[in-house]
Amino acid sequence: MRWIHRDSVILCDHDGRVENRPSQQWVTITAVPVLVDDDPEGRKIIACPNYGPTIKACSKTQNVRVGYSDWLRIDGHRVVLSNLEGFTNGTPPGLVHHTVRDARQRFLGADR
């Protein structure tokens, strides 16, 4: 698993892109801030194509199910890893996920 940073690609199941906003600036990978808990939660999803009369497009991420390191922390916050998985507010409720598609770095990895 790779560490996730601001430029990593996180998408909903329909390929809408999550807007990453790191809450810390101390630790970077090639000058790009690393994400920590709960940076991936409550973030805007841009351009989710899943919409229609009875369908709600993904517009925000919700709680993360997995993807925070058990061991690695920055200022007490767990580092986000590439196995990140959580839900979105899109339809059908409780079934649409957001996941990492590309960590955009190959320097730092972790087992958990």
PDB file of N, CA and C in Angstrom:
ATOM      1  N   MET A   1       0.835  -1.171   0.000  1.00  0.00           N
ATOM      2  CA  MET A   1       0.000   0.000   0.000  1.00  0.00           C
ATOM      3  C   MET A   1       0.890   1.248   0.000  1.00  0.00           C
ATOM      4  N   ARG A   2       0.430   2.256  -0.674  1.00  0.00           N
ATOM      5  CA  ARG A   2       1.156   3.522  -0.771  1.00  0.00           C
ATOM      6  C   ARG A   2       0.512   4.581   0.121  1.00  0.00           C
ATOM      7  N   TRP A   3       1.331   5.553   0.548  1.00  0.00           N
ATOM      8  CA  TRP A   3       0.791   6.714   1.254  1.00  0.00           C
ATOM      9  C   TRP A   3       0.033   7.568   0.237  1.00  0.00           C
ATOM     10  N   ILE A   4      -1.025   8.213   0.687  1.00  0.00           N
ATOM     11  CA  ILE A   4      -1.856   9.039  -0.185  1.00  0.00           C
ATOM     12  C   ILE A   4      -1.597  10.512   0.130  1.00  0.00           C
ATOM     13  N   HIS A   5      -1.507  11.319  -0.920  1.00  0.00           N
ATOM     14  CA  HIS A   5      -1.271  12.754  -0.735  1.00  0.00           C
ATOM     15  C   HIS A   5      -2.286  13.561  -1.529  1.00  0.00           C
ATOM     16  N   ARG A   6      -2.148  14.880  -1.477  1.00  0.00           N
ATOM     17  CA  ARG A   6      -3.127  15.789  -2.086  1.00  0.00           C
ATOM     18  C   ARG A   6      -3.376  15.503  -3.564  1.00  0.00           C
ATOM     19  N   ASP A   7      -2.351  15.075  -4.308  1.00  0.00           N
ATOM     20  CA  ASP A   7      -2.499  14.861  -5.746  1.00  0.00           C
ATOM     21  C   ASP A   7      -2.916  13.444  -6.128  1.00  0.00           C
ATOM     22  N   SER A   8      -3.124  12.570  -5.137  1.00  0.00           N
ATOM     23  CA  SER A   8      -3.584  11.212  -5.420  1.00  0.00           C
ATOM     24  C   SER A   8      -4.985  11.267  -6.019  1.00  0.00           C
ATOM     25  N   VAL A   9      -5.297  10.308  -6.870  1.00  0.00           N
ATOM     26  CA  VAL A   9      -6.605  10.266  -7.537  1.00  0.00           C
ATOM     27  C   VAL A   9      -7.542   9.359  -6.749  1.00  0.00           C
ATOM     28  N   ILE A  10      -8.566   9.974  -6.156  1.00  0.00           N
ATOM     29  CA  ILE A  10      -9.612   9.250  -5.436  1.00  0.00           C
ATOM     30  C   ILE A  10     -10.912   9.504  -6.186  1.00  0.00           C
ATOM     31  N   LEU A  11     -11.595   8.416  -6.563  1.00  0.00           N
ATOM     32  CA  LEU A  11     -12.812   8.532  -7.373  1.00  0.00           C
ATOM     33  C   LEU A  11     -13.972   7.789  -6.729  1.00  0.00           C
ATOM     34  N   CYS A  12     -15.195   8.235  -7.038  1.00  0.00           N
ATOM     35  CA  CYS A  12     -16.371   7.459  -6.662  1.00  0.00           C
ATOM     36  C   CYS A  12     -16.496   6.303  -7.664  1.00  0.00           C
ATOM     37  N   ASP A  13     -17.409   5.381  -7.399  1.00  0.00           N
ATOM     38  CA  ASP A  13     -17.601   4.231  -8.295  1.00  0.00           C
ATOM     39  C   ASP A  13     -17.972   4.633  -9.716  1.00  0.00           C
ATOM     40  N   HIS A  14     -18.501   5.854  -9.886  1.00  0.00           N
ATOM     41  CA  HIS A  14     -18.926   6.326 -11.209  1.00  0.00           C
ATOM     42  C   HIS A  14     -17.868   7.203 -11.872  1.00  0.00           C
ATOM     43  N   ASP A  15     -16.694   7.313 -11.264  1.00  0.00           N
ATOM     44  CA  ASP A  15     -15.549   8.099 -11.762  1.00  0.00           C
ATOM     45  C   ASP A  15     -15.643   9.600 -11.516  1.00  0.00           C
ATOM     46  N   GLY A  16     -16.465  10.025 -10.563  1.00  0.00           N
ATOM     47  CA  GLY A  16     -16.412  11.415 -10.111  1.00  0.00           C
ATOM     48  C   GLY A  16     -15.172  11.585  -9.238  1.00  0.00           C
ATOM     49  N   ARG A  17     -14.493  12.700  -9.358  1.00  0.00           N
ATOM     50  CA  ARG A  17     -13.214  12.898  -8.657  1.00  0.00           C
ATOM     51  C   ARG A  17     -13.405  13.601  -7.308  1.00  0.00           C
ATOM     52  N   VAL A  18     -12.761  13.038  -6.280  1.00  0.00           N
ATOM     53  CA  VAL A  18     -12.804  13.611  -4.936  1.00  0.00           C
ATOM     54  C   VAL A  18     -11.804  14.768  -4.866  1.00  0.00           C
ATOM     55  N   GLU A  19     -12.254  15.877  -4.292  1.00  0.00           N
ATOM     56  CA  GLU A  19     -11.405  17.046  -4.112  1.00  0.00           C
ATOM     57  C   GLU A  19     -10.620  16.875  -2.801  1.00  0.00           C
ATOM     58  N   ASN A  20      -9.333  16.546  -2.921  1.00  0.00           N
ATOM     59  CA  ASN A  20      -8.492  16.324  -1.744  1.00  0.00           C
ATOM     60  C   ASN A  20      -8.058  17.647  -1.125  1.00  0.00           C
ATOM     61  N   ARG A  21      -8.169  17.745   0.212  1.00  0.00           N
ATOM     62  CA  ARG A  21      -7.694  18.917   0.959  1.00  0.00           C
ATOM     63  C   ARG A  21      -6.958  18.421   2.193  1.00  0.00           C
ATOM     64  N   PRO A  22      -5.625  18.468   2.176  1.00  0.00           N
ATOM     65  CA  PRO A  22      -4.873  17.998   3.343  1.00  0.00           C
ATOM     66  C   PRO A  22      -5.026  18.941   4.531  1.00  0.00           C
ATOM     67  N   SER A  23      -5.106  18.374   5.721  1.00  0.00           N
ATOM     68  CA  SER A  23      -5.245  19.184   6.931  1.00  0.00           C
ATOM     69  C   SER A  23      -3.892  19.463   7.579  1.00  0.00           C
ATOM     70  N   GLN A  24      -2.819  18.872   7.039  1.00  0.00           N
ATOM     71  CA  GLN A  24      -1.486  19.102   7.579  1.00  0.00           C
ATOM     72  C   GLN A  24      -0.537  19.437   6.440  1.00  0.00           C
ATOM     73  N   GLN A  25       0.501  20.190   6.758  1.00  0.00           N
ATOM     74  CA  GLN A  25       1.494  20.592   5.758  1.00  0.00           C
ATOM     75  C   GLN A  25       2.910  20.150   6.144  1.00  0.00           C
ATOM     76  N   TRP A  26       3.065  19.500   7.294  1.00  0.00           N
ATOM     77  CA  TRP A  26       4.382  19.131   7.812  1.00  0.00           C
ATOM     78  C   TRP A  26       5.074  18.081   6.970  1.00  0.00           C
ATOM     79  N   VAL A  27       4.346  17.000   6.670  1.00  0.00           N
ATOM     80  CA  VAL A  27       4.936  15.857   5.971  1.00  0.00           C
ATOM     81  C   VAL A  27       4.468  15.879   4.527  1.00  0.00           C
ATOM     82  N   THR A  28       5.447  15.825   3.615  1.00  0.00           N
ATOM     83  CA  THR A  28       5.139  15.871   2.186  1.00  0.00           C
ATOM     84  C   THR A  28       5.869  14.752   1.455  1.00  0.00           C
ATOM     85  N   ILE A  29       5.382  14.445   0.283  1.00  0.00           N
ATOM     86  CA  ILE A  29       6.061  13.543  -0.648  1.00  0.00           C
ATOM     87  C   ILE A  29       6.269  14.369  -1.909  1.00  0.00           C
ATOM     88  N   THR A  30       7.509  14.582  -2.279  1.00  0.00           N
ATOM     89  CA  THR A  30       7.873  15.458  -3.397  1.00  0.00           C
ATOM     90  C   THR A  30       7.130  16.795  -3.317  1.00  0.00           C
ATOM     91  N   ALA A  31       7.146  17.374  -2.125  1.00  0.00           N
ATOM     92  CA  ALA A  31       6.560  18.692  -1.833  1.00  0.00           C
ATOM     93  C   ALA A  31       5.028  18.715  -1.872  1.00  0.00           C
ATOM     94  N   VAL A  32       4.376  17.560  -1.839  1.00  0.00           N
ATOM     95  CA  VAL A  32       2.914  17.477  -1.835  1.00  0.00           C
ATOM     96  C   VAL A  32       2.473  16.923  -0.481  1.00  0.00           C
ATOM     97  N   PRO A  33       1.607  17.643   0.266  1.00  0.00           N
ATOM     98  CA  PRO A  33       1.205  17.209   1.605  1.00  0.00           C
ATOM     99  C   PRO A  33       0.481  15.858   1.624  1.00  0.00           C
ATOM    100  N   VAL A  34       0.834  15.038   2.616  1.00  0.00           N
ATOM    101  CA  VAL A  34       0.239  13.722   2.841  1.00  0.00           C
ATOM    102  C   VAL A  34      -1.138  13.913   3.479  1.00  0.00           C
ATOM    103  N   LEU A  35      -2.091  13.042   3.131  1.00  0.00           N
ATOM    104  CA  LEU A  35      -3.423  13.066   3.754  1.00  0.00           C
ATOM    105  C   LEU A  35      -3.410  12.241   5.031  1.00  0.00           C
ATOM    106  N   VAL A  36      -4.148  12.704   6.035  1.00  0.00           N
ATOM    107  CA  VAL A  36      -4.289  11.996   7.306  1.00  0.00           C
ATOM    108  C   VAL A  36      -5.774  11.910   7.641  1.00  0.00           C
ATOM    109  N   ASP A  37      -6.102  11.103   8.695  1.00  0.00           N
ATOM    110  CA  ASP A  37      -7.519  11.018   9.051  1.00  0.00           C
ATOM    111  C   ASP A  37      -7.999  12.375   9.552  1.00  0.00           C
ATOM    112  N   ASP A  38      -9.068  12.776   9.294  1.00  0.00           N
ATOM    113  CA  ASP A  38     -10.170  12.395   8.451  1.00  0.00           C
ATOM    114  C   ASP A  38     -10.259  13.251   7.184  1.00  0.00           C
ATOM    115  N   ASP A  39      -9.084  13.483   6.543  1.00  0.00           N
ATOM    116  CA  ASP A  39      -9.036  14.292   5.314  1.00  0.00           C
ATOM    117  C   ASP A  39      -9.962  13.788   4.202  1.00  0.00           C
ATOM    118  N   PRO A  40     -10.096  12.462   3.977  1.00  0.00           N
ATOM    119  CA  PRO A  40     -10.965  12.023   2.869  1.00  0.00           C
ATOM    120  C   PRO A  40     -12.468  12.080   3.157  1.00  0.00           C
ATOM    121  N   GLU A  41     -12.854  12.452   4.365  1.00  0.00           N
ATOM    122  CA  GLU A  41     -14.274  12.441   4.737  1.00  0.00           C
ATOM    123  C   GLU A  41     -14.913  13.815   4.555  1.00  0.00           C
ATOM    124  N   GLY A  42     -16.128  13.823   4.026  1.00  0.00           N
ATOM    125  CA  GLY A  42     -16.872  15.067   3.837  1.00  0.00           C
ATOM    126  C   GLY A  42     -16.331  15.943   2.721  1.00  0.00           C
ATOM    127  N   ARG A  43     -15.628  15.346   1.770  1.00  0.00           N
ATOM    128  CA  ARG A  43     -15.022  16.103   0.669  1.00  0.00           C
ATOM    129  C   ARG A  43     -15.938  16.114  -0.547  1.00  0.00           C
ATOM    130  N   LYS A  44     -15.838  17.181  -1.302  1.00  0.00           N
ATOM    131  CA  LYS A  44     -16.635  17.386  -2.510  1.00  0.00           C
ATOM    132  C   LYS A  44     -16.208  16.388  -3.589  1.00  0.00           C
ATOM    133  N   ILE A  45     -17.207  15.855  -4.307  1.00  0.00           N
ATOM    134  CA  ILE A  45     -16.960  14.986  -5.463  1.00  0.00           C
ATOM    135  C   ILE A  45     -17.375  15.761  -6.699  1.00  0.00           C
ATOM    136  N   ILE A  46     -16.459  15.874  -7.638  1.00  0.00           N
ATOM    137  CA  ILE A  46     -16.657  16.682  -8.834  1.00  0.00           C
ATOM    138  C   ILE A  46     -16.970  15.790 -10.038  1.00  0.00           C
ATOM    139  N   ALA A  47     -17.979  16.165 -10.788  1.00  0.00           N
ATOM    140  CA  ALA A  47     -18.318  15.559 -12.082  1.00  0.00           C
ATOM    141  C   ALA A  47     -18.725  14.096 -12.016  1.00  0.00           C
ATOM    142  N   CYS A  48     -19.480  13.704 -10.996  1.00  0.00           N
ATOM    143  CA  CYS A  48     -20.039  12.349 -10.980  1.00  0.00           C
ATOM    144  C   CYS A  48     -21.113  12.284 -12.064  1.00  0.00           C
ATOM    145  N   PRO A  49     -20.972  11.351 -13.018  1.00  0.00           N
ATOM    146  CA  PRO A  49     -21.928  11.287 -14.124  1.00  0.00           C
ATOM    147  C   PRO A  49     -23.212  10.524 -13.810  1.00  0.00           C
ATOM    148  N   ASN A  50     -23.357  10.018 -12.596  1.00  0.00           N
ATOM    149  CA  ASN A  50     -24.506   9.208 -12.221  1.00  0.00           C
ATOM    150  C   ASN A  50     -25.655  10.112 -11.765  1.00  0.00           C
ATOM    151  N   TYR A  51     -26.500  10.522 -12.693  1.00  0.00           N
ATOM    152  CA  TYR A  51     -27.620  11.377 -12.324  1.00  0.00           C
ATOM    153  C   TYR A  51     -28.812  11.086 -13.225  1.00  0.00           C
ATOM    154  N   GLY A  52     -29.969  11.491 -12.783  1.00  0.00           N
ATOM    155  CA  GLY A  52     -31.206  11.280 -13.526  1.00  0.00           C
ATOM    156  C   GLY A  52     -32.375  11.655 -12.649  1.00  0.00           C
ATOM    157  N   PRO A  53     -33.612  11.429 -13.132  1.00  0.00           N
ATOM    158  CA  PRO A  53     -34.801  11.842 -12.387  1.00  0.00           C
ATOM    159  C   PRO A  53     -34.898  11.228 -10.989  1.00  0.00           C
ATOM    160  N   THR A  54     -34.504   9.983 -10.815  1.00  0.00           N
ATOM    161  CA  THR A  54     -34.598   9.331  -9.500  1.00  0.00           C
ATOM    162  C   THR A  54     -33.235   8.928  -8.964  1.00  0.00           C
ATOM    163  N   ILE A  55     -32.180   9.469  -9.559  1.00  0.00           N
ATOM    164  CA  ILE A  55     -30.815   9.102  -9.174  1.00  0.00           C
ATOM    165  C   ILE A  55     -30.085  10.334  -8.659  1.00  0.00           C
ATOM    166  N   LYS A  56     -29.415  10.179  -7.529  1.00  0.00           N
ATOM    167  CA  LYS A  56     -28.626  11.274  -6.952  1.00  0.00           C
ATOM    168  C   LYS A  56     -27.152  11.025  -7.269  1.00  0.00           C
ATOM    169  N   ALA A  57     -26.535  11.987  -7.920  1.00  0.00           N
ATOM    170  CA  ALA A  57     -25.101  11.891  -8.207  1.00  0.00           C
ATOM    171  C   ALA A  57     -24.316  12.016  -6.901  1.00  0.00           C
ATOM    172  N   CYS A  58     -23.122  11.423  -6.873  1.00  0.00           N
ATOM    173  CA  CYS A  58     -22.239  11.552  -5.712  1.00  0.00           C
ATOM    174  C   CYS A  58     -21.738  12.993  -5.650  1.00  0.00           C
ATOM    175  N   SER A  59     -21.920  13.638  -4.509  1.00  0.00           N
ATOM    176  CA  SER A  59     -21.434  15.009  -4.365  1.00  0.00           C
ATOM    177  C   SER A  59     -20.520  15.175  -3.153  1.00  0.00           C
ATOM    178  N   LYS A  60     -20.548  14.212  -2.219  1.00  0.00           N
ATOM    179  CA  LYS A  60     -19.690  14.261  -1.028  1.00  0.00           C
ATOM    180  C   LYS A  60     -19.276  12.856  -0.612  1.00  0.00           C
ATOM    181  N   THR A  61     -18.056  12.782  -0.067  1.00  0.00           N
ATOM    182  CA  THR A  61     -17.616  11.519   0.538  1.00  0.00           C
ATOM    183  C   THR A  61     -18.207  11.426   1.932  1.00  0.00           C
ATOM    184  N   GLN A  62     -18.349  10.207   2.395  1.00  0.00           N
ATOM    185  CA  GLN A  62     -18.823   9.983   3.763  1.00  0.00           C
ATOM    186  C   GLN A  62     -17.731   9.242   4.536  1.00  0.00           C
ATOM    187  N   ASN A  63     -18.103   8.563   5.601  1.00  0.00           N
ATOM    188  CA  ASN A  63     -17.125   7.901   6.458  1.00  0.00           C
ATOM    189  C   ASN A  63     -16.247   6.900   5.712  1.00  0.00           C
ATOM    190  N   VAL A  64     -14.996   6.850   6.127  1.00  0.00           N
ATOM    191  CA  VAL A  64     -14.035   5.888   5.593  1.00  0.00           C
ATOM    192  C   VAL A  64     -14.211   4.568   6.337  1.00  0.00           C
ATOM    193  N   ARG A  65     -14.288   3.459   5.584  1.00  0.00           N
ATOM    194  CA  ARG A  65     -14.403   2.129   6.197  1.00  0.00           C
ATOM    195  C   ARG A  65     -13.043   1.554   6.499  1.00  0.00           C
ATOM    196  N   VAL A  66     -12.114   1.633   5.525  1.00  0.00           N
ATOM    197  CA  VAL A  66     -10.729   1.169   5.689  1.00  0.00           C
ATOM    198  C   VAL A  66      -9.820   2.145   4.961  1.00  0.00           C
ATOM    199  N   GLY A  67      -8.538   2.141   5.353  1.00  0.00           N
ATOM    200  CA  GLY A  67      -7.585   2.975   4.645  1.00  0.00           C
ATOM    201  C   GLY A  67      -6.756   3.890   5.510  1.00  0.00           C
ATOM    202  N   TYR A  68      -6.954   3.822   6.831  1.00  0.00           N
ATOM    203  CA  TYR A  68      -6.097   4.577   7.734  1.00  0.00           C
ATOM    204  C   TYR A  68      -5.068   3.619   8.322  1.00  0.00           C
ATOM    205  N   SER A  69      -3.818   4.055   8.407  1.00  0.00           N
ATOM    206  CA  SER A  69      -2.756   3.227   8.953  1.00  0.00           C
ATOM    207  C   SER A  69      -2.996   2.936  10.433  1.00  0.00           C
ATOM    208  N   ASP A  70      -2.705   1.710  10.836  1.00  0.00           N
ATOM    209  CA  ASP A  70      -2.797   1.342  12.245  1.00  0.00           C
ATOM    210  C   ASP A  70      -1.588   1.847  13.035  1.00  0.00           C
ATOM    211  N   TRP A  71      -0.477   2.084  12.331  1.00  0.00           N
ATOM    212  CA  TRP A  71       0.785   2.394  13.005  1.00  0.00           C
ATOM    213  C   TRP A  71       1.347   3.778  12.702  1.00  0.00           C
ATOM    214  N   LEU A  72       1.166   4.268  11.509  1.00  0.00           N
ATOM    215  CA  LEU A  72       1.796   5.522  11.097  1.00  0.00           C
ATOM    216  C   LEU A  72       0.903   6.712  11.390  1.00  0.00           C
ATOM    217  N   ARG A  73       1.480   7.702  12.091  1.00  0.00           N
ATOM    218  CA  ARG A  73       0.705   8.881  12.475  1.00  0.00           C
ATOM    219  C   ARG A  73       1.520  10.139  12.252  1.00  0.00           C
ATOM    220  N   ILE A  74       0.819  11.207  11.928  1.00  0.00           N
ATOM    221  CA  ILE A  74       1.417  12.533  11.816  1.00  0.00           C
ATOM    222  C   ILE A  74       0.647  13.431  12.773  1.00  0.00           C
ATOM    223  N   ASP A  75       1.341  13.945  13.772  1.00  0.00           N
ATOM    224  CA  ASP A  75       0.718  14.790  14.787  1.00  0.00           C
ATOM    225  C   ASP A  75      -0.523  14.123  15.392  1.00  0.00           C
ATOM    226  N   GLY A  76      -0.444  12.808  15.610  1.00  0.00           N
ATOM    227  CA  GLY A  76      -1.531  12.058  16.225  1.00  0.00           C
ATOM    228  C   GLY A  76      -2.611  11.577  15.277  1.00  0.00           C
ATOM    229  N   HIS A  77      -2.532  11.946  13.998  1.00  0.00           N
ATOM    230  CA  HIS A  77      -3.536  11.542  13.005  1.00  0.00           C
ATOM    231  C   HIS A  77      -2.985  10.416  12.134  1.00  0.00           C
ATOM    232  N   ARG A  78      -3.803   9.396  11.891  1.00  0.00           N
ATOM    233  CA  ARG A  78      -3.381   8.253  11.094  1.00  0.00           C
ATOM    234  C   ARG A  78      -3.182   8.642   9.624  1.00  0.00           C
ATOM    235  N   VAL A  79      -2.126   8.111   9.018  1.00  0.00           N
ATOM    236  CA  VAL A  79      -1.824   8.359   7.607  1.00  0.00           C
ATOM    237  C   VAL A  79      -2.826   7.603   6.733  1.00  0.00           C
ATOM    238  N   VAL A  80      -3.258   8.211   5.627  1.00  0.00           N
ATOM    239  CA  VAL A  80      -4.175   7.573   4.679  1.00  0.00           C
ATOM    240  C   VAL A  80      -3.356   6.706   3.724  1.00  0.00           C
ATOM    241  N   LEU A  81      -3.835   5.477   3.496  1.00  0.00           N
ATOM    242  CA  LEU A  81      -3.149   4.524   2.623  1.00  0.00           C
ATOM    243  C   LEU A  81      -3.993   4.214   1.386  1.00  0.00           C
ATOM    244  N   SER A  82      -3.356   3.600   0.409  1.00  0.00           N
ATOM    245  CA  SER A  82      -3.999   3.370  -0.891  1.00  0.00           C
ATOM    246  C   SER A  82      -5.115   2.323  -0.870  1.00  0.00           C
ATOM    247  N   ASN A  83      -5.315   1.630   0.248  1.00  0.00           N
ATOM    248  CA  ASN A  83      -6.456   0.710   0.341  1.00  0.00           C
ATOM    249  C   ASN A  83      -7.712   1.434   0.816  1.00  0.00           C
ATOM    250  N   LEU A  84      -7.690   2.760   0.778  1.00  0.00           N
ATOM    251  CA  LEU A  84      -8.811   3.599   1.207  1.00  0.00           C
ATOM    252  C   LEU A  84     -10.117   3.153   0.551  1.00  0.00           C
ATOM    253  N   GLU A  85     -11.150   3.040   1.373  1.00  0.00           N
ATOM    254  CA  GLU A  85     -12.497   2.747   0.873  1.00  0.00           C
ATOM    255  C   GLU A  85     -13.508   3.344   1.837  1.00  0.00           C
ATOM    256  N   GLY A  86     -14.453   4.071   1.285  1.00  0.00           N
ATOM    257  CA  GLY A  86     -15.532   4.652   2.086  1.00  0.00           C
ATOM    258  C   GLY A  86     -16.753   4.840   1.214  1.00  0.00           C
ATOM    259  N   PHE A  87     -17.806   5.340   1.793  1.00  0.00           N
ATOM    260  CA  PHE A  87     -19.046   5.546   1.059  1.00  0.00           C
ATOM    261  C   PHE A  87     -19.166   6.980   0.563  1.00  0.00           C
ATOM    262  N   THR A  88     -20.086   7.175  -0.394  1.00  0.00           N
ATOM    263  CA  THR A  88     -20.452   8.508  -0.860  1.00  0.00           C
ATOM    264  C   THR A  88     -21.928   8.722  -0.552  1.00  0.00           C
ATOM    265  N   ASN A  89     -22.428   9.909  -0.839  1.00  0.00           N
ATOM    266  CA  ASN A  89     -23.847  10.199  -0.625  1.00  0.00           C
ATOM    267  C   ASN A  89     -24.681   9.937  -1.881  1.00  0.00           C
ATOM    268  N   GLY A  90     -24.110   9.281  -2.893  1.00  0.00           N
ATOM    269  CA  GLY A  90     -24.838   8.982  -4.129  1.00  0.00           C
ATOM    270  C   GLY A  90     -25.787   7.812  -3.991  1.00  0.00           C
ATOM    271  N   THR A  91     -26.607   7.593  -5.028  1.00  0.00           N
ATOM    272  CA  THR A  91     -27.547   6.473  -5.018  1.00  0.00           C
ATOM    273  C   THR A  91     -26.937   5.291  -5.757  1.00  0.00           C
ATOM    274  N   PRO A  92     -27.277   4.091  -5.337  1.00  0.00           N
ATOM    275  CA  PRO A  92     -28.121   3.744  -4.196  1.00  0.00           C
ATOM    276  C   PRO A  92     -27.394   3.976  -2.873  1.00  0.00           C
ATOM    277  N   PRO A  93     -28.102   4.485  -1.852  1.00  0.00           N
ATOM    278  CA  PRO A  93     -27.487   4.797  -0.561  1.00  0.00           C
ATOM    279  C   PRO A  93     -26.801   3.585   0.070  1.00  0.00           C
ATOM    280  N   GLY A  94     -25.634   3.822   0.625  1.00  0.00           N
ATOM    281  CA  GLY A  94     -24.898   2.765   1.312  1.00  0.00           C
ATOM    282  C   GLY A  94     -24.231   1.750   0.412  1.00  0.00           C
ATOM    283  N   LEU A  95     -24.243   1.989  -0.903  1.00  0.00           N
ATOM    284  CA  LEU A  95     -23.633   1.037  -1.828  1.00  0.00           C
ATOM    285  C   LEU A  95     -22.551   1.647  -2.718  1.00  0.00           C
ATOM    286  N   VAL A  96     -22.497   2.960  -2.812  1.00  0.00           N
ATOM    287  CA  VAL A  96     -21.533   3.614  -3.696  1.00  0.00           C
ATOM    288  C   VAL A  96     -20.299   4.007  -2.876  1.00  0.00           C
ATOM    289  N   HIS A  97     -19.136   3.628  -3.378  1.00  0.00           N
ATOM    290  CA  HIS A  97     -17.881   3.836  -2.652  1.00  0.00           C
ATOM    291  C   HIS A  97     -17.011   4.911  -3.292  1.00  0.00           C
ATOM    292  N   HIS A  98     -16.042   5.380  -2.520  1.00  0.00           N
ATOM    293  CA  HIS A  98     -14.928   6.152  -3.060  1.00  0.00           C
ATOM    294  C   HIS A  98     -13.650   5.372  -2.722  1.00  0.00           C
ATOM    295  N   THR A  99     -12.756   5.275  -3.706  1.00  0.00           N
ATOM    296  CA  THR A  99     -11.521   4.507  -3.565  1.00  0.00           C
ATOM    297  C   THR A  99     -10.382   5.216  -4.291  1.00  0.00           C
ATOM    298  N   VAL A 100      -9.166   4.804  -3.963  1.00  0.00           N
ATOM    299  CA  VAL A 100      -7.981   5.350  -4.618  1.00  0.00           C
ATOM    300  C   VAL A 100      -7.791   4.632  -5.944  1.00  0.00           C
ATOM    301  N   ARG A 101      -7.654   5.392  -7.022  1.00  0.00           N
ATOM    302  CA  ARG A 101      -7.363   4.809  -8.335  1.00  0.00           C
ATOM    303  C   ARG A 101      -5.889   4.929  -8.682  1.00  0.00           C
ATOM    304  N   ASP A 102      -5.234   5.991  -8.187  1.00  0.00           N
ATOM    305  CA  ASP A 102      -3.810   6.194  -8.467  1.00  0.00           C
ATOM    306  C   ASP A 102      -3.200   6.989  -7.317  1.00  0.00           C
ATOM    307  N   ALA A 103      -2.232   6.386  -6.630  1.00  0.00           N
ATOM    308  CA  ALA A 103      -1.582   7.063  -5.498  1.00  0.00           C
ATOM    309  C   ALA A 103      -0.739   8.244  -5.963  1.00  0.00           C
ATOM    310  N   ARG A 104      -0.325   8.244  -7.220  1.00  0.00           N
ATOM    311  CA  ARG A 104       0.502   9.300  -7.811  1.00  0.00           C
ATOM    312  C   ARG A 104       1.842   9.475  -7.101  1.00  0.00           C
ATOM    313  N   GLN A 105       2.320   8.409  -6.479  1.00  0.00           N
ATOM    314  CA  GLN A 105       3.669   8.405  -5.920  1.00  0.00           C
ATOM    315  C   GLN A 105       4.086   6.950  -5.725  1.00  0.00           C
ATOM    316  N   ARG A 106       5.379   6.701  -5.856  1.00  0.00           N
ATOM    317  CA  ARG A 106       5.911   5.349  -5.709  1.00  0.00           C
ATOM    318  C   ARG A 106       7.049   5.298  -4.694  1.00  0.00           C
ATOM    319  N   PHE A 107       7.154   6.341  -3.854  1.00  0.00           N
ATOM    320  CA  PHE A 107       8.256   6.439  -2.923  1.00  0.00           C
ATOM    321  C   PHE A 107       7.959   5.797  -1.569  1.00  0.00           C
ATOM    322  N   LEU A 108       6.782   6.073  -1.005  1.00  0.00           N
ATOM    323  CA  LEU A 108       6.472   5.616   0.347  1.00  0.00           C
ATOM    324  C   LEU A 108       5.352   4.597   0.346  1.00  0.00           C
ATOM    325  N   GLY A 109       5.615   3.482   1.029  1.00  0.00           N
ATOM    326  CA  GLY A 109       4.623   2.440   1.174  1.00  0.00           C
ATOM    327  C   GLY A 109       4.555   2.004   2.621  1.00  0.00           C
ATOM    328  N   ALA A 110       3.508   1.254   2.970  1.00  0.00           N
ATOM    329  CA  ALA A 110       3.332   0.738   4.318  1.00  0.00           C
ATOM    330  C   ALA A 110       2.478  -0.522   4.253  1.00  0.00           C
ATOM    331  N   ASP A 111       2.661  -1.407   5.222  1.00  0.00           N
ATOM    332  CA  ASP A 111       1.837  -2.607   5.286  1.00  0.00           C
ATOM    333  C   ASP A 111       0.493  -2.328   5.953  1.00  0.00           C
ATOM    334  N   ARG A 112       0.423  -1.394   6.826  1.00  0.00           N
ATOM    335  CA  ARG A 112      -0.807  -0.952   7.495  1.00  0.00           C
ATOM    336  C   ARG A 112      -0.439   0.152   8.394  1.00  0.00           C
TER     337      ARG A 112
END
